[in-house]
């Protein structure tokens, strides 16, 4: 079973564009500043991506799925069975679908703004970055975001050699953690517009409060 609130908080934190700037307790080195700029520029240039993801929660529950991304403002996460949920942003709204029940919850696009990775330009200066850690292989940027459920913290790990997003980890206000790893990613792939649509046979249900 997918924790709908956890996933939504994760996507909100990952993609949201907060108004505050860097909130680090140290100055970034020139090398870090340049690497962050290079990562932002590289990922901004990627117009489409498809691939697979692995989600692991605090209890060690693992579930895989497929994602489709198209800039600007479109993404679809499809979870493999036994889950029957999908998460879709089509630029006009944000939806959580249940394939078994043929229902969906609808959220206003501006209430869960997928700007950080779905917009035309990525700019970490417009997010609340609280930490930057680099190793030989990865640069990890940690961001906080204020949501209706409390403060969410997400750490994004980028491969230094390729500049690709490899993984992100989400810490929810209750301390629960979700980790998403990406693999088999292809870029520049043509994605049919229908992949970001909502099946006309699905019924809208009231969004949980």
C-alpha atoms as a PDB file:
ATOM      1  CA  UNK A   1       0.000   0.000   0.000  1.00  0.00           C
ATOM      2  CA  UNK A   2       1.392   3.392  -0.976  1.00  0.00           C
ATOM      3  CA  UNK A   3       1.226   6.063   1.695  1.00  0.00           C
ATOM      4  CA  UNK A   4      -0.511   8.735  -0.342  1.00  0.00           C
ATOM      5  CA  UNK A   5       0.267  11.612   2.030  1.00  0.00           C
ATOM      6  CA  UNK A   6       3.918  10.605   2.258  1.00  0.00           C
ATOM      7  CA  UNK A   7       4.325  10.460  -1.494  1.00  0.00           C
ATOM      8  CA  UNK A   8       2.579  13.775  -2.002  1.00  0.00           C
ATOM      9  CA  UNK A   9       4.745  15.411   0.660  1.00  0.00           C
ATOM     10  CA  UNK A  10       7.787  13.930  -1.005  1.00  0.00           C
ATOM     11  CA  UNK A  11       6.905  15.305  -4.397  1.00  0.00           C
ATOM     12  CA  UNK A  12       5.963  18.647  -2.901  1.00  0.00           C
ATOM     13  CA  UNK A  13       9.317  18.969  -1.177  1.00  0.00           C
ATOM     14  CA  UNK A  14      11.235  17.653  -4.138  1.00  0.00           C
ATOM     15  CA  UNK A  15       9.627  19.844  -6.767  1.00  0.00           C
ATOM     16  CA  UNK A  16       8.504  22.905  -4.808  1.00  0.00           C
ATOM     17  CA  UNK A  17      10.175  26.237  -5.321  1.00  0.00           C
ATOM     18  CA  UNK A  18      10.383  27.980  -1.965  1.00  0.00           C
ATOM     19  CA  UNK A  19      10.943  31.702  -1.706  1.00  0.00           C
ATOM     20  CA  UNK A  20      13.813  31.634   0.787  1.00  0.00           C
ATOM     21  CA  UNK A  21      17.420  31.369  -0.347  1.00  0.00           C
ATOM     22  CA  UNK A  22      20.279  29.276   0.960  1.00  0.00           C
ATOM     23  CA  UNK A  23      20.097  28.680   4.715  1.00  0.00           C
ATOM     24  CA  UNK A  24      23.465  26.998   5.133  1.00  0.00           C
ATOM     25  CA  UNK A  25      25.569  27.345   8.250  1.00  0.00           C
ATOM     26  CA  UNK A  26      28.685  27.713   6.110  1.00  0.00           C
ATOM     27  CA  UNK A  27      29.765  29.276   2.855  1.00  0.00           C
ATOM     28  CA  UNK A  28      29.796  27.098  -0.230  1.00  0.00           C
ATOM     29  CA  UNK A  29      33.185  26.557  -1.797  1.00  0.00           C
ATOM     30  CA  UNK A  30      33.691  27.866  -5.350  1.00  0.00           C
ATOM     31  CA  UNK A  31      33.831  24.249  -6.520  1.00  0.00           C
ATOM     32  CA  UNK A  32      30.459  23.490  -4.896  1.00  0.00           C
ATOM     33  CA  UNK A  33      28.900  26.630  -6.333  1.00  0.00           C
ATOM     34  CA  UNK A  34      30.073  25.711  -9.824  1.00  0.00           C
ATOM     35  CA  UNK A  35      28.947  22.096  -9.465  1.00  0.00           C
ATOM     36  CA  UNK A  36      25.470  23.149  -8.317  1.00  0.00           C
ATOM     37  CA  UNK A  37      25.239  25.547 -11.249  1.00  0.00           C
ATOM     38  CA  UNK A  38      26.381  22.815 -13.654  1.00  0.00           C
ATOM     39  CA  UNK A  39      23.838  20.353 -12.215  1.00  0.00           C
ATOM     40  CA  UNK A  40      21.047  22.923 -12.513  1.00  0.00           C
ATOM     41  CA  UNK A  41      21.961  23.812 -16.088  1.00  0.00           C
ATOM     42  CA  UNK A  42      22.339  20.196 -17.166  1.00  0.00           C
ATOM     43  CA  UNK A  43      19.028  19.056 -15.713  1.00  0.00           C
ATOM     44  CA  UNK A  44      17.188  22.124 -17.036  1.00  0.00           C
ATOM     45  CA  UNK A  45      18.201  21.076 -20.548  1.00  0.00           C
ATOM     46  CA  UNK A  46      16.595  17.635 -20.198  1.00  0.00           C
ATOM     47  CA  UNK A  47      13.141  17.919 -21.731  1.00  0.00           C
ATOM     48  CA  UNK A  48      11.960  14.311 -21.328  1.00  0.00           C
ATOM     49  CA  UNK A  49      12.973  11.374 -19.149  1.00  0.00           C
ATOM     50  CA  UNK A  50      11.639   7.871 -18.624  1.00  0.00           C
ATOM     51  CA  UNK A  51      12.913   5.234 -16.249  1.00  0.00           C
ATOM     52  CA  UNK A  52      12.267   3.041 -13.269  1.00  0.00           C
ATOM     53  CA  UNK A  53      12.314   3.805  -9.563  1.00  0.00           C
ATOM     54  CA  UNK A  54      12.632   1.877  -6.320  1.00  0.00           C
ATOM     55  CA  UNK A  55      10.927   3.245  -3.208  1.00  0.00           C
ATOM     56  CA  UNK A  56      11.973   2.055   0.259  1.00  0.00           C
ATOM     57  CA  UNK A  57      10.267   3.206   3.466  1.00  0.00           C
ATOM     58  CA  UNK A  58      11.473   3.249   7.081  1.00  0.00           C
ATOM     59  CA  UNK A  59      10.223  -0.298   7.657  1.00  0.00           C
ATOM     60  CA  UNK A  60      12.179  -1.550   4.662  1.00  0.00           C
ATOM     61  CA  UNK A  61       9.118  -2.040   2.434  1.00  0.00           C
ATOM     62  CA  UNK A  62      10.215  -1.956  -1.197  1.00  0.00           C
ATOM     63  CA  UNK A  63       8.073  -1.156  -4.207  1.00  0.00           C
ATOM     64  CA  UNK A  64       9.087  -0.397  -7.766  1.00  0.00           C
ATOM     65  CA  UNK A  65       7.518   1.483 -10.610  1.00  0.00           C
ATOM     66  CA  UNK A  66       8.007   3.491 -13.764  1.00  0.00           C
ATOM     67  CA  UNK A  67       8.146   7.259 -14.219  1.00  0.00           C
ATOM     68  CA  UNK A  68       7.665   9.561 -17.201  1.00  0.00           C
ATOM     69  CA  UNK A  69       8.730  13.221 -17.136  1.00  0.00           C
ATOM     70  CA  UNK A  70       8.218  15.950 -19.708  1.00  0.00           C
ATOM     71  CA  UNK A  71       9.014  19.607 -19.208  1.00  0.00           C
ATOM     72  CA  UNK A  72       7.258  21.783 -18.478  1.00  0.00           C
ATOM     73  CA  UNK A  73       5.034  20.545 -15.656  1.00  0.00           C
ATOM     74  CA  UNK A  74       4.284  16.950 -16.612  1.00  0.00           C
ATOM     75  CA  UNK A  75       5.149  13.770 -14.740  1.00  0.00           C
ATOM     76  CA  UNK A  76       3.658  10.345 -14.087  1.00  0.00           C
ATOM     77  CA  UNK A  77       4.669   7.817 -11.423  1.00  0.00           C
ATOM     78  CA  UNK A  78       3.160   4.366 -11.988  1.00  0.00           C
ATOM     79  CA  UNK A  79       3.614   1.901  -9.108  1.00  0.00           C
ATOM     80  CA  UNK A  80       3.941  -1.797  -9.886  1.00  0.00           C
ATOM     81  CA  UNK A  81       1.502  -4.375  -8.432  1.00  0.00           C
ATOM     82  CA  UNK A  82       0.478  -5.083  -5.734  1.00  0.00           C
ATOM     83  CA  UNK A  83       0.014  -1.307  -5.620  1.00  0.00           C
ATOM     84  CA  UNK A  84      -2.521   0.093  -8.066  1.00  0.00           C
ATOM     85  CA  UNK A  85      -1.787   3.797  -7.604  1.00  0.00           C
ATOM     86  CA  UNK A  86      -0.391   6.370  -9.986  1.00  0.00           C
ATOM     87  CA  UNK A  87       0.581  10.001  -9.475  1.00  0.00           C
ATOM     88  CA  UNK A  88       0.105  12.372 -12.395  1.00  0.00           C
ATOM     89  CA  UNK A  89       0.800  16.043 -13.018  1.00  0.00           C
ATOM     90  CA  UNK A  90      -0.403  17.317 -16.393  1.00  0.00           C
ATOM     91  CA  UNK A  91       0.330  21.022 -15.977  1.00  0.00           C
ATOM     92  CA  UNK A  92      -3.283  21.843 -15.123  1.00  0.00           C
ATOM     93  CA  UNK A  93      -3.730  19.702 -12.034  1.00  0.00           C
ATOM     94  CA  UNK A  94      -2.132  17.105  -9.804  1.00  0.00           C
ATOM     95  CA  UNK A  95      -3.836  13.715  -9.405  1.00  0.00           C
ATOM     96  CA  UNK A  96      -3.555  10.492  -7.416  1.00  0.00           C
ATOM     97  CA  UNK A  97      -5.177   7.621  -9.328  1.00  0.00           C
ATOM     98  CA  UNK A  98      -6.397   4.219  -8.182  1.00  0.00           C
ATOM     99  CA  UNK A  99      -6.309   1.788 -11.095  1.00  0.00           C
ATOM    100  CA  UNK A 100      -8.384  -0.839  -9.273  1.00  0.00           C
ATOM    101  CA  UNK A 101     -11.171   1.495  -8.178  1.00  0.00           C
ATOM    102  CA  UNK A 102     -10.907   3.662 -11.305  1.00  0.00           C
ATOM    103  CA  UNK A 103     -10.998   6.789  -9.165  1.00  0.00           C
ATOM    104  CA  UNK A 104      -8.741   9.778  -8.628  1.00  0.00           C
ATOM    105  CA  UNK A 105      -8.093  12.540  -6.146  1.00  0.00           C
ATOM    106  CA  UNK A 106      -7.509  15.956  -7.733  1.00  0.00           C
ATOM    107  CA  UNK A 107      -5.292  18.681  -6.309  1.00  0.00           C
ATOM    108  CA  UNK A 108      -4.808  22.209  -7.710  1.00  0.00           C
ATOM    109  CA  UNK A 109      -1.564  22.474  -9.659  1.00  0.00           C
ATOM    110  CA  UNK A 110      -0.472  25.505  -7.694  1.00  0.00           C
ATOM    111  CA  UNK A 111      -1.030  23.769  -4.342  1.00  0.00           C
ATOM    112  CA  UNK A 112       1.678  21.228  -5.165  1.00  0.00           C
ATOM    113  CA  UNK A 113       3.959  23.269  -7.410  1.00  0.00           C
ATOM    114  CA  UNK A 114       6.214  20.910  -9.363  1.00  0.00           C
ATOM    115  CA  UNK A 115       8.608  23.665 -10.313  1.00  0.00           C
ATOM    116  CA  UNK A 116      12.028  22.515  -9.188  1.00  0.00           C
ATOM    117  CA  UNK A 117      12.369  19.686 -11.698  1.00  0.00           C
ATOM    118  CA  UNK A 118       9.393  20.172 -13.966  1.00  0.00           C
ATOM    119  CA  UNK A 119       9.797  23.825 -14.843  1.00  0.00           C
ATOM    120  CA  UNK A 120      11.832  25.139 -17.734  1.00  0.00           C
ATOM    121  CA  UNK A 121      14.688  26.185 -15.451  1.00  0.00           C
ATOM    122  CA  UNK A 122      16.093  24.610 -12.279  1.00  0.00           C
ATOM    123  CA  UNK A 123      17.479  27.077  -9.758  1.00  0.00           C
ATOM    124  CA  UNK A 124      18.481  25.866  -6.299  1.00  0.00           C
ATOM    125  CA  UNK A 125      18.861  29.489  -5.208  1.00  0.00           C
ATOM    126  CA  UNK A 126      15.061  29.562  -5.052  1.00  0.00           C
ATOM    127  CA  UNK A 127      14.836  26.631  -2.656  1.00  0.00           C
ATOM    128  CA  UNK A 128      15.558  26.484   1.062  1.00  0.00           C
ATOM    129  CA  UNK A 129      18.858  24.595   0.952  1.00  0.00           C
ATOM    130  CA  UNK A 130      20.136  23.698   4.420  1.00  0.00           C
ATOM    131  CA  UNK A 131      23.067  21.435   3.579  1.00  0.00           C
ATOM    132  CA  UNK A 132      25.385  20.488   0.734  1.00  0.00           C
ATOM    133  CA  UNK A 133      27.629  17.423   1.055  1.00  0.00           C
ATOM    134  CA  UNK A 134      29.993  16.104  -1.599  1.00  0.00           C
ATOM    135  CA  UNK A 135      31.899  12.842  -1.941  1.00  0.00           C
ATOM    136  CA  UNK A 136      34.042  11.394  -4.704  1.00  0.00           C
ATOM    137  CA  UNK A 137      30.922  10.301  -6.613  1.00  0.00           C
ATOM    138  CA  UNK A 138      27.895  12.275  -5.438  1.00  0.00           C
ATOM    139  CA  UNK A 139      26.772  15.755  -4.458  1.00  0.00           C
ATOM    140  CA  UNK A 140      23.851  15.747  -2.029  1.00  0.00           C
ATOM    141  CA  UNK A 141      21.687  18.837  -1.610  1.00  0.00           C
ATOM    142  CA  UNK A 142      19.295  18.902   1.343  1.00  0.00           C
ATOM    143  CA  UNK A 143      16.213  21.112   1.152  1.00  0.00           C
ATOM    144  CA  UNK A 144      13.448  21.859   3.648  1.00  0.00           C
ATOM    145  CA  UNK A 145       9.896  22.816   2.735  1.00  0.00           C
ATOM    146  CA  UNK A 146       6.996  23.943   4.904  1.00  0.00           C
ATOM    147  CA  UNK A 147       3.824  21.960   4.167  1.00  0.00           C
ATOM    148  CA  UNK A 148       0.411  21.790   5.795  1.00  0.00           C
ATOM    149  CA  UNK A 149       1.648  18.694   7.663  1.00  0.00           C
ATOM    150  CA  UNK A 150       4.806  20.371   8.940  1.00  0.00           C
ATOM    151  CA  UNK A 151       8.424  20.676   7.839  1.00  0.00           C
ATOM    152  CA  UNK A 152       9.588  18.155   5.251  1.00  0.00           C
ATOM    153  CA  UNK A 153      13.268  17.527   4.554  1.00  0.00           C
ATOM    154  CA  UNK A 154      14.488  16.019   1.302  1.00  0.00           C
ATOM    155  CA  UNK A 155      18.030  15.169   0.232  1.00  0.00           C
ATOM    156  CA  UNK A 156      18.776  14.945  -3.492  1.00  0.00           C
ATOM    157  CA  UNK A 157      21.858  12.976  -4.565  1.00  0.00           C
ATOM    158  CA  UNK A 158      23.367  13.830  -7.951  1.00  0.00           C
ATOM    159  CA  UNK A 159      26.022  11.803  -9.731  1.00  0.00           C
ATOM    160  CA  UNK A 160      28.982  14.168 -10.019  1.00  0.00           C
ATOM    161  CA  UNK A 161      30.277  12.610 -13.225  1.00  0.00           C
ATOM    162  CA  UNK A 162      26.999  12.641 -15.151  1.00  0.00           C
ATOM    163  CA  UNK A 163      25.086  15.398 -13.247  1.00  0.00           C
ATOM    164  CA  UNK A 164      22.041  13.080 -13.181  1.00  0.00           C
ATOM    165  CA  UNK A 165      19.690  12.788 -10.214  1.00  0.00           C
ATOM    166  CA  UNK A 166      20.356   9.328  -8.773  1.00  0.00           C
ATOM    167  CA  UNK A 167      18.329   9.286  -5.553  1.00  0.00           C
ATOM    168  CA  UNK A 168      16.344  11.364  -3.129  1.00  0.00           C
ATOM    169  CA  UNK A 169      15.450  10.713   0.492  1.00  0.00           C
ATOM    170  CA  UNK A 170      12.459  12.257   2.235  1.00  0.00           C
ATOM    171  CA  UNK A 171      12.063  12.754   5.985  1.00  0.00           C
ATOM    172  CA  UNK A 172       8.453  13.439   6.920  1.00  0.00           C
ATOM    173  CA  UNK A 173       7.349  15.600   9.884  1.00  0.00           C
ATOM    174  CA  UNK A 174       6.682  12.415  11.908  1.00  0.00           C
ATOM    175  CA  UNK A 175      10.229  11.178  11.312  1.00  0.00           C
ATOM    176  CA  UNK A 176       9.289   8.511   8.768  1.00  0.00           C
ATOM    177  CA  UNK A 177      11.659   8.290   5.816  1.00  0.00           C
ATOM    178  CA  UNK A 178      11.186   7.356   2.166  1.00  0.00           C
ATOM    179  CA  UNK A 179      14.045   6.801  -0.269  1.00  0.00           C
ATOM    180  CA  UNK A 180      13.615   6.807  -4.050  1.00  0.00           C
ATOM    181  CA  UNK A 181      16.366   5.469  -6.328  1.00  0.00           C
ATOM    182  CA  UNK A 182      16.251   5.953 -10.114  1.00  0.00           C
ATOM    183  CA  UNK A 183      17.629   3.529 -12.685  1.00  0.00           C
ATOM    184  CA  UNK A 184      17.344   2.529 -16.353  1.00  0.00           C
ATOM    185  CA  UNK A 185      16.796   6.211 -17.139  1.00  0.00           C
ATOM    186  CA  UNK A 186      16.552   7.338 -20.759  1.00  0.00           C
ATOM    187  CA  UNK A 187      16.522  10.980 -21.811  1.00  0.00           C
ATOM    188  CA  UNK A 188      15.139  12.655 -24.916  1.00  0.00           C
ATOM    189  CA  UNK A 189      12.462   9.999 -25.397  1.00  0.00           C
ATOM    190  CA  UNK A 190       9.202  10.845 -27.174  1.00  0.00           C
ATOM    191  CA  UNK A 191       6.338  10.367 -24.700  1.00  0.00           C
ATOM    192  CA  UNK A 192       2.756  10.126 -26.026  1.00  0.00           C
ATOM    193  CA  UNK A 193       0.557  12.950 -24.644  1.00  0.00           C
ATOM    194  CA  UNK A 194      -1.912  10.346 -23.363  1.00  0.00           C
ATOM    195  CA  UNK A 195       0.624   9.260 -20.753  1.00  0.00           C
ATOM    196  CA  UNK A 196      -0.146  12.455 -18.839  1.00  0.00           C
ATOM    197  CA  UNK A 197      -3.913  12.248 -19.256  1.00  0.00           C
ATOM    198  CA  UNK A 198      -6.640  10.972 -16.940  1.00  0.00           C
ATOM    199  CA  UNK A 199      -8.802   8.121 -18.237  1.00  0.00           C
ATOM    200  CA  UNK A 200     -12.277   9.498 -18.922  1.00  0.00           C
ATOM    201  CA  UNK A 201     -13.826   6.464 -17.222  1.00  0.00           C
ATOM    202  CA  UNK A 202     -12.192   7.322 -13.877  1.00  0.00           C
ATOM    203  CA  UNK A 203     -14.388   9.005 -11.273  1.00  0.00           C
ATOM    204  CA  UNK A 204     -13.277  11.959  -9.190  1.00  0.00           C
ATOM    205  CA  UNK A 205     -13.580  11.472  -5.441  1.00  0.00           C
ATOM    206  CA  UNK A 206     -13.285  13.985  -2.630  1.00  0.00           C
ATOM    207  CA  UNK A 207      -9.724  14.905  -1.770  1.00  0.00           C
ATOM    208  CA  UNK A 208      -8.781  13.723   1.742  1.00  0.00           C
ATOM    209  CA  UNK A 209      -8.572  16.552   4.253  1.00  0.00           C
END
